[in-house]
Amino acid sequence: MATTRHDGPPRVPGAPGEAGAPTGATLDRVASLGVVLAYALALGIATVIVPLRALDGGYDAAAVGFLVALAAGCQFATRLALPVLLGRFADRTLIGVASLGMVVAFSLLAGSTALPVFIVAQVLQGASRAVFWTSSQAHAVRGGGRPVQRLVDLNVAGNAGTLTGPAVGGMLAVAGLPVALAVAAASAGVGATISLVLRRLAPYDRRQGAGTLHLIRRDGVDIACWAAMVGGGWWSMMGSYVPVLGVAAGIGSVGVGWLITASEGAGVLALVAIRGVNPAHIRRVVQVAAVTVTLALIALAVAASVVTGPVVLTFGILMVIGGAANGTITTMAPAMASLTAGPQEQGDALALTGTFRAGALLAAPAVVAGLLAAVTIPAAIVIVAASLALPGALVGRGGRDHVPERSA
């Protein structure tokens, strides 16, 4: 049953629903995409340059791994505090502050490779990622229009930045790693500047919500959190052990790189394909996508063990299927959570899905590493993938789709 939405500040000229609304809404949408593109480009550059900067500073592989894990841990910890932050500050403010945090982090690394500097920069980077992406999603779902379409547009812009960023970073590295980091800081600074154009929406009034612990048990939100966890597990494996499987199977590092790019490209295409999805199908789409991701991950591990001869085609097919399903989860899980929640609970719902995703990003590789003392990498991946799939049998037991058709 559709309910009236009362989120946001009193309407002003140029806001959706008032005279001049198309211009105001369009400006906000363009500004939102511009902020995300600038931030994601900076992030994409840093993905390549920060590890190289650490190696250039004399740190070994173990130290680099520690620094990467530090950022991931800070991202997870920050997500736990996001419901409170979204209830106290406007999402526009959080987006701007997160962008400035990235400016400071990259500026510090451009100037020094000292360990204290690296630690501070990684803490800032992890916290910035958590705040930026959840706040951007919150702004998108409250900014007018269909939330699913706005989240799709946001993720496409983000993917455009993160896919082109590494190539830009590689070219800039020729001029020097500090130069590349300075450009990344400048790009994040552009995003912070653009954020000033965004409409100011009032912070969520969490007193009107049921609270995070109650929300996570709500039919629909629980499915979205599970799917987000599965998506985080897939992404963590793509950045850790799946490339190891591919190289061990004889594909080669270059071939593995292209397969991962194809997987991410399939995710982008899936985003475009689901942009106009029927609201009545959102629940089923999320569930099928989550199951598909876990099956694709299991199949990759099995293929690495049993397929003889060239396996590049098998790997390619499975990674494209899994990538497309994961791309679907990236948008549809937070969309389903926000639409299932009440108007003042959306911040909590989005923070919950992000927390489950970040938790899987942090935990899945660690669990695989722990299992390697007893089993092979393929067997460890199968165990982790099966563990990610199991909660799917327990969530959504109410069987009701709470997504309001008119809001999706």
Protein backbone atom coordinates (compact mmCIF):
# COMPACT_ATOMS: atom_id res chain seq x y z
CA MET A 1 0.00 0.00 0.00
CA ALA A 2 1.48 3.35 -1.02
CA THR A 3 2.17 5.83 1.74
CA THR A 4 2.66 9.57 1.66
CA ARG A 5 6.29 10.65 1.91
CA HIS A 6 7.20 13.57 4.14
CA ASP A 7 10.98 13.41 4.01
CA GLY A 8 13.06 16.47 3.18
CA PRO A 9 12.74 20.18 3.98
CA PRO A 10 9.82 22.43 3.10
CA ARG A 11 9.51 22.80 -0.65
CA VAL A 12 11.15 25.78 -2.24
CA PRO A 13 11.04 27.14 -5.79
CA GLY A 14 12.94 24.80 -8.05
CA ALA A 15 12.31 21.77 -5.86
CA PRO A 16 10.48 18.80 -7.38
CA GLY A 17 6.76 19.33 -7.38
CA GLU A 18 6.85 23.16 -7.54
CA ALA A 19 7.02 25.74 -10.27
CA GLY A 20 10.41 25.57 -11.90
CA ALA A 21 10.83 22.00 -10.67
CA PRO A 22 12.25 20.52 -13.89
CA THR A 23 15.16 22.96 -13.86
CA GLY A 24 15.91 22.47 -10.16
CA ALA A 25 15.56 18.69 -10.32
CA THR A 26 17.70 18.46 -13.45
CA LEU A 27 20.42 20.61 -11.92
CA ASP A 28 20.47 18.45 -8.80
CA ARG A 29 20.63 15.26 -10.84
CA VAL A 30 23.45 16.52 -13.05
CA ALA A 31 25.34 17.78 -10.01
CA SER A 32 24.89 14.43 -8.26
CA LEU A 33 26.33 12.55 -11.22
CA GLY A 34 29.18 15.05 -11.51
CA VAL A 35 30.14 14.61 -7.86
CA VAL A 36 30.09 10.82 -8.16
CA LEU A 37 32.11 10.82 -11.40
CA ALA A 38 34.78 13.15 -9.95
CA TYR A 39 35.05 11.14 -6.73
CA ALA A 40 35.11 7.77 -8.52
CA LEU A 41 37.79 8.99 -10.93
CA ALA A 42 39.96 9.99 -7.96
CA LEU A 43 39.31 6.60 -6.39
CA GLY A 44 40.19 4.79 -9.61
CA ILE A 45 43.48 6.65 -9.89
CA ALA A 46 44.31 5.85 -6.27
CA THR A 47 43.56 2.14 -6.77
CA VAL A 48 46.69 1.88 -8.89
CA ILE A 49 48.84 4.67 -7.47
CA VAL A 50 48.54 4.20 -3.70
CA PRO A 51 50.04 0.66 -3.66
CA LEU A 52 52.79 1.82 -6.04
CA ARG A 53 53.47 4.80 -3.79
CA ALA A 54 53.83 2.43 -0.84
CA LEU A 55 56.25 0.19 -2.73
CA ASP A 56 58.17 3.25 -3.89
CA GLY A 57 58.45 4.30 -0.25
CA GLY A 58 60.20 1.03 0.63
CA TYR A 59 57.28 -0.92 2.11
CA ASP A 60 57.11 -4.67 1.40
CA ALA A 61 54.06 -6.59 0.18
CA ALA A 62 52.95 -7.46 3.70
CA ALA A 63 52.98 -3.80 4.72
CA VAL A 64 51.02 -2.85 1.63
CA GLY A 65 48.46 -5.52 2.51
CA PHE A 66 48.20 -4.11 6.02
CA LEU A 67 47.58 -0.60 4.71
CA VAL A 68 44.87 -1.82 2.33
CA ALA A 69 43.23 -3.80 5.15
CA LEU A 70 43.40 -0.72 7.38
CA ALA A 71 41.35 1.30 4.90
CA ALA A 72 38.82 -1.55 4.58
CA GLY A 73 38.52 -1.84 8.35
CA CYS A 74 37.96 1.89 8.76
CA GLN A 75 35.33 1.78 6.02
CA PHE A 76 33.45 -0.95 7.86
CA ALA A 77 33.70 0.81 11.23
CA THR A 78 32.50 4.09 9.75
CA ARG A 79 29.48 2.43 8.18
CA LEU A 80 28.35 1.38 11.64
CA ALA A 81 28.09 5.06 12.58
CA LEU A 82 26.34 6.18 9.38
CA PRO A 83 22.75 5.91 10.64
CA VAL A 84 23.60 8.43 13.36
CA LEU A 85 25.48 10.70 10.92
CA LEU A 86 22.60 10.69 8.43
CA GLY A 87 20.27 11.60 11.29
CA ARG A 88 22.35 14.62 12.27
CA PHE A 89 23.74 16.05 9.04
CA ALA A 90 22.31 16.74 5.59
CA ASP A 91 23.46 14.21 3.01
CA ARG A 92 24.84 17.08 0.91
CA THR A 93 27.10 18.05 3.81
CA LEU A 94 28.33 14.49 4.27
CA ILE A 95 29.06 14.16 0.54
CA GLY A 96 31.15 17.33 0.60
CA VAL A 97 33.03 16.39 3.78
CA ALA A 98 33.77 12.90 2.43
CA SER A 99 35.17 14.41 -0.78
CA LEU A 100 37.36 16.78 1.23
CA GLY A 101 38.57 13.84 3.30
CA MET A 102 39.82 12.20 0.12
CA VAL A 103 41.50 15.45 -0.93
CA VAL A 104 43.43 15.50 2.35
CA ALA A 105 44.33 11.79 2.11
CA PHE A 106 45.77 12.02 -1.39
CA SER A 107 47.51 15.31 -0.68
CA LEU A 108 49.25 13.75 2.30
CA LEU A 109 50.45 10.80 0.24
CA ALA A 110 51.63 13.08 -2.54
CA GLY A 111 53.89 14.83 -0.05
CA SER A 112 55.24 11.97 2.04
CA THR A 113 55.53 8.19 2.33
CA ALA A 114 56.21 8.14 6.08
CA LEU A 115 54.28 5.41 7.91
CA PRO A 116 52.26 7.81 10.11
CA VAL A 117 51.22 9.69 6.98
CA PHE A 118 50.17 6.48 5.26
CA ILE A 119 48.16 5.37 8.27
CA VAL A 120 46.30 8.69 8.53
CA ALA A 121 45.68 8.73 4.77
CA GLN A 122 44.28 5.19 4.75
CA VAL A 123 42.03 5.91 7.72
CA LEU A 124 40.71 9.00 5.94
CA GLN A 125 40.26 7.09 2.69
CA GLY A 126 38.31 4.26 4.33
CA ALA A 127 36.04 6.61 6.27
CA SER A 128 35.54 8.79 3.20
CA ARG A 129 34.40 5.88 1.04
CA ALA A 130 31.84 4.75 3.57
CA VAL A 131 30.35 8.20 4.08
CA PHE A 132 30.43 9.21 0.42
CA TRP A 133 28.71 6.23 -1.16
CA THR A 134 25.93 5.86 1.41
CA SER A 135 25.27 9.61 1.49
CA SER A 136 25.16 9.71 -2.30
CA GLN A 137 22.65 6.88 -2.35
CA ALA A 138 20.57 8.65 0.29
CA HIS A 139 20.53 11.83 -1.77
CA ALA A 140 19.60 9.89 -4.90
CA VAL A 141 16.58 8.10 -3.44
CA ARG A 142 15.23 11.37 -1.95
CA GLY A 143 15.98 13.58 -4.93
CA GLY A 144 12.79 13.03 -6.92
CA GLY A 145 12.03 10.69 -9.80
CA ARG A 146 12.20 6.91 -9.55
CA PRO A 147 14.80 5.83 -6.96
CA VAL A 148 15.86 2.77 -8.96
CA GLN A 149 16.64 4.88 -12.01
CA ARG A 150 18.54 7.44 -9.96
CA LEU A 151 20.59 4.73 -8.26
CA VAL A 152 21.35 3.15 -11.65
CA ASP A 153 22.54 6.50 -13.00
CA LEU A 154 24.65 7.04 -9.89
CA ASN A 155 26.31 3.63 -10.19
CA VAL A 156 26.95 4.02 -13.92
CA ALA A 157 28.69 7.33 -13.22
CA GLY A 158 30.68 5.67 -10.44
CA ASN A 159 31.70 2.80 -12.68
CA ALA A 160 32.77 5.23 -15.39
CA GLY A 161 35.15 6.83 -12.93
CA THR A 162 36.53 3.66 -11.36
CA LEU A 163 37.03 1.98 -14.76
CA THR A 164 38.84 4.93 -16.37
CA GLY A 165 40.70 6.00 -13.24
CA PRO A 166 43.32 3.22 -13.29
CA ALA A 167 44.20 3.97 -16.91
CA VAL A 168 44.47 7.70 -16.14
CA GLY A 169 46.59 6.91 -13.10
CA GLY A 170 48.90 4.73 -15.15
CA MET A 171 49.48 7.50 -17.66
CA LEU A 172 50.04 10.09 -14.95
CA ALA A 173 52.52 7.82 -13.17
CA VAL A 174 54.95 8.47 -16.01
CA ALA A 175 55.23 12.04 -14.73
CA GLY A 176 55.62 10.79 -11.16
CA LEU A 177 53.48 9.15 -8.50
CA PRO A 178 53.08 12.41 -6.52
CA VAL A 179 51.72 14.04 -9.68
CA ALA A 180 49.13 11.28 -10.09
CA LEU A 181 48.08 11.64 -6.45
CA ALA A 182 47.82 15.41 -6.84
CA VAL A 183 45.47 14.92 -9.80
CA ALA A 184 43.42 12.46 -7.75
CA ALA A 185 43.19 15.04 -4.95
CA ALA A 186 42.15 17.70 -7.46
CA SER A 187 39.43 15.44 -8.87
CA ALA A 188 38.04 14.81 -5.39
CA GLY A 189 38.21 18.56 -4.80
CA VAL A 190 36.11 19.15 -7.90
CA GLY A 191 33.55 16.78 -6.45
CA ALA A 192 33.54 18.67 -3.16
CA THR A 193 32.94 21.93 -5.03
CA ILE A 194 30.09 20.49 -7.10
CA SER A 195 28.44 19.17 -3.92
CA LEU A 196 27.65 22.78 -2.98
CA VAL A 197 25.13 22.82 -5.85
CA LEU A 198 23.17 19.84 -4.51
CA ARG A 199 19.76 20.47 -2.95
CA ARG A 200 19.89 20.55 0.81
CA LEU A 201 17.61 17.88 2.22
CA ALA A 202 16.95 17.75 5.95
CA PRO A 203 18.66 15.00 7.96
CA TYR A 204 16.59 11.91 8.61
CA ASP A 205 14.44 12.05 11.72
CA ARG A 206 15.37 8.71 13.24
CA ARG A 207 12.80 9.18 16.01
CA GLN A 208 10.14 8.28 13.43
CA GLY A 209 11.82 4.99 12.58
CA ALA A 210 11.83 1.60 14.24
CA GLY A 211 15.60 1.61 14.79
CA THR A 212 18.36 -0.26 13.03
CA LEU A 213 18.00 -3.54 14.93
CA HIS A 214 14.27 -3.73 14.20
CA LEU A 215 14.73 -2.63 10.60
CA ILE A 216 17.15 -5.43 9.79
CA ARG A 217 14.44 -7.98 10.64
CA ARG A 218 11.92 -6.38 8.29
CA ASP A 219 10.90 -8.46 5.30
CA GLY A 220 12.62 -6.95 2.27
CA VAL A 221 15.37 -5.16 4.15
CA ASP A 222 16.75 -8.53 5.29
CA ILE A 223 16.85 -9.75 1.68
CA ALA A 224 18.62 -6.57 0.57
CA CYS A 225 21.25 -6.91 3.32
CA TRP A 226 21.90 -10.54 2.42
CA ALA A 227 22.24 -9.68 -1.28
CA ALA A 228 24.61 -6.80 -0.47
CA MET A 229 26.74 -9.23 1.55
CA VAL A 230 26.85 -11.64 -1.39
CA GLY A 231 27.87 -8.79 -3.70
CA GLY A 232 30.65 -7.80 -1.32
CA GLY A 233 31.89 -11.39 -1.24
CA TRP A 234 32.00 -11.56 -5.05
CA TRP A 235 33.88 -8.29 -5.33
CA SER A 236 36.41 -9.32 -2.68
CA MET A 237 37.13 -12.58 -4.50
CA MET A 238 37.59 -10.74 -7.81
CA GLY A 239 40.25 -8.63 -6.15
CA SER A 240 42.05 -11.46 -4.40
CA TYR A 241 41.74 -15.19 -5.06
CA VAL A 242 39.94 -15.47 -8.41
CA PRO A 243 42.92 -13.92 -10.23
CA VAL A 244 45.13 -16.48 -8.48
CA LEU A 245 42.87 -19.26 -9.78
CA GLY A 246 43.01 -17.85 -13.28
CA VAL A 247 46.78 -17.62 -13.38
CA ALA A 248 47.13 -21.12 -11.90
CA ALA A 249 44.76 -22.41 -14.62
CA GLY A 250 47.08 -21.03 -17.30
CA ILE A 251 45.13 -17.95 -18.34
CA GLY A 252 47.92 -15.53 -17.50
CA SER A 253 47.85 -12.22 -15.67
CA VAL A 254 46.95 -10.17 -18.76
CA GLY A 255 44.10 -12.52 -19.62
CA VAL A 256 42.81 -12.42 -16.05
CA GLY A 257 42.86 -8.63 -16.16
CA TRP A 258 40.74 -8.60 -19.30
CA LEU A 259 38.30 -11.11 -17.80
CA ILE A 260 37.83 -8.95 -14.71
CA THR A 261 37.27 -5.94 -16.95
CA ALA A 262 34.68 -7.94 -18.91
CA SER A 263 33.00 -8.91 -15.65
CA GLU A 264 32.78 -5.28 -14.54
CA GLY A 265 31.55 -4.26 -17.99
CA ALA A 266 28.79 -6.85 -17.76
CA GLY A 267 27.80 -5.30 -14.45
CA VAL A 268 27.48 -1.88 -16.07
CA LEU A 269 25.35 -3.31 -18.88
CA ALA A 270 23.14 -5.04 -16.32
CA LEU A 271 22.62 -1.69 -14.57
CA VAL A 272 21.39 -0.15 -17.80
CA ALA A 273 19.17 -3.15 -18.54
CA ILE A 274 17.38 -3.02 -15.18
CA ARG A 275 16.89 0.75 -15.15
CA GLY A 276 13.23 0.42 -16.07
CA VAL A 277 12.49 -2.74 -14.08
CA ASN A 278 8.89 -3.33 -13.05
CA PRO A 279 8.60 -2.54 -9.31
CA ALA A 280 6.68 -5.78 -8.79
CA HIS A 281 9.78 -7.72 -9.85
CA ILE A 282 12.38 -6.02 -7.64
CA ARG A 283 12.27 -8.63 -4.90
CA ARG A 284 12.65 -11.55 -7.28
CA VAL A 285 15.41 -9.83 -9.27
CA VAL A 286 17.46 -9.27 -6.10
CA GLN A 287 17.04 -12.86 -4.93
CA VAL A 288 17.89 -14.40 -8.31
CA ALA A 289 20.92 -12.13 -8.73
CA ALA A 290 22.29 -13.07 -5.30
CA VAL A 291 21.88 -16.79 -5.95
CA THR A 292 23.48 -16.39 -9.38
CA VAL A 293 26.52 -14.68 -7.90
CA THR A 294 27.14 -17.48 -5.39
CA LEU A 295 26.65 -20.18 -8.05
CA ALA A 296 29.03 -18.40 -10.44
CA LEU A 297 31.67 -18.16 -7.71
CA ILE A 298 31.32 -21.85 -6.88
CA ALA A 299 31.47 -22.77 -10.57
CA LEU A 300 34.67 -20.73 -11.01
CA ALA A 301 36.33 -22.63 -8.18
CA VAL A 302 35.17 -25.99 -9.53
CA ALA A 303 36.23 -25.12 -13.08
CA ALA A 304 39.72 -24.28 -11.88
CA SER A 305 39.96 -27.75 -10.37
CA VAL A 306 38.31 -30.05 -12.91
CA VAL A 307 38.37 -28.39 -16.34
CA THR A 308 41.28 -29.55 -18.47
CA GLY A 309 42.82 -27.69 -21.37
CA PRO A 310 42.12 -24.00 -22.06
CA VAL A 311 39.75 -22.64 -19.44
CA VAL A 312 39.63 -19.02 -20.54
CA LEU A 313 36.22 -19.44 -22.23
CA THR A 314 34.73 -21.15 -19.18
CA PHE A 315 36.16 -18.51 -16.86
CA GLY A 316 34.98 -15.75 -19.17
CA ILE A 317 31.39 -16.98 -19.32
CA LEU A 318 31.17 -17.46 -15.56
CA MET A 319 32.76 -14.09 -14.75
CA VAL A 320 30.45 -12.26 -17.14
CA ILE A 321 27.40 -13.97 -15.64
CA GLY A 322 28.57 -13.29 -12.10
CA GLY A 323 29.55 -9.73 -12.96
CA ALA A 324 26.14 -8.98 -14.45
CA ALA A 325 24.40 -10.40 -11.39
CA ASN A 326 26.68 -8.46 -9.07
CA GLY A 327 26.01 -5.26 -11.00
CA THR A 328 22.31 -5.88 -10.49
CA ILE A 329 22.81 -6.28 -6.75
CA THR A 330 24.83 -3.08 -6.55
CA THR A 331 21.75 -1.04 -7.43
CA MET A 332 18.76 -3.18 -6.60
CA ALA A 333 19.75 -4.19 -3.06
CA PRO A 334 19.98 -0.62 -1.69
CA ALA A 335 16.96 0.37 -3.78
CA MET A 336 14.88 -2.43 -2.30
CA ALA A 337 16.02 -1.59 1.23
CA SER A 338 15.24 2.12 0.89
CA LEU A 339 11.83 1.51 -0.68
CA THR A 340 10.90 -1.05 1.95
CA ALA A 341 11.84 1.33 4.76
CA GLY A 342 9.76 4.29 5.80
CA PRO A 343 10.68 7.80 4.62
CA GLN A 344 12.70 8.55 7.76
CA GLU A 345 14.22 5.05 7.88
CA GLN A 346 15.89 5.17 4.47
CA GLY A 347 19.21 6.34 5.89
CA ASP A 348 19.34 3.40 8.27
CA ALA A 349 18.33 0.98 5.51
CA LEU A 350 21.02 2.21 3.11
CA ALA A 351 23.63 2.16 5.87
CA LEU A 352 22.66 -1.43 6.71
CA THR A 353 23.15 -2.72 3.16
CA GLY A 354 26.46 -0.88 2.94
CA THR A 355 27.61 -2.35 6.25
CA PHE A 356 26.86 -5.91 5.14
CA ARG A 357 28.69 -5.32 1.86
CA ALA A 358 31.71 -3.82 3.62
CA GLY A 359 31.72 -6.65 6.14
CA ALA A 360 31.90 -9.25 3.36
CA LEU A 361 34.62 -7.28 1.58
CA LEU A 362 36.68 -7.41 4.75
CA ALA A 363 35.85 -10.90 5.99
CA ALA A 364 35.64 -13.11 2.89
CA PRO A 365 39.35 -12.93 1.92
CA ALA A 366 40.34 -13.39 5.56
CA VAL A 367 38.17 -16.51 5.85
CA VAL A 368 39.68 -17.97 2.66
CA ALA A 369 43.15 -17.25 3.99
CA GLY A 370 42.30 -19.03 7.24
CA LEU A 371 40.92 -22.07 5.43
CA LEU A 372 44.07 -22.48 3.32
CA ALA A 373 45.75 -24.18 6.26
CA ALA A 374 43.41 -27.13 5.70
CA VAL A 375 42.10 -27.00 2.11
CA THR A 376 43.02 -25.76 -1.35
CA ILE A 377 42.07 -22.33 -2.69
CA PRO A 378 39.19 -23.68 -4.86
CA ALA A 379 37.76 -25.61 -1.90
CA ALA A 380 38.06 -22.55 0.35
CA ILE A 381 36.22 -20.40 -2.20
CA VAL A 382 33.44 -22.98 -2.47
CA ILE A 383 33.05 -22.99 1.32
CA VAL A 384 32.90 -19.19 1.48
CA ALA A 385 30.45 -18.96 -1.45
CA ALA A 386 28.18 -21.58 0.10
CA SER A 387 28.31 -19.73 3.42
CA LEU A 388 27.26 -16.53 1.65
CA ALA A 389 24.36 -18.34 -0.01
CA LEU A 390 22.96 -20.04 3.11
CA PRO A 391 21.32 -16.97 4.72
CA GLY A 392 19.22 -16.65 1.57
CA ALA A 393 17.13 -19.56 2.80
CA LEU A 394 16.31 -17.71 6.01
CA VAL A 395 15.57 -14.15 4.88
CA GLY A 396 12.29 -12.90 3.43
CA ARG A 397 10.24 -15.57 5.18
CA GLY A 398 7.28 -13.21 5.27
CA GLY A 399 6.99 -13.52 1.49
CA ARG A 400 5.62 -10.02 1.05
CA ASP A 401 7.07 -7.41 -1.28
CA HIS A 402 6.95 -4.08 0.56
CA VAL A 403 8.28 -2.07 -2.36
CA PRO A 404 5.71 0.65 -3.16
CA GLU A 405 5.04 0.47 -6.87
CA ARG A 406 4.68 4.18 -7.34
CA SER A 407 8.04 4.91 -5.65
CA ALA A 408 10.28 2.54 -7.56
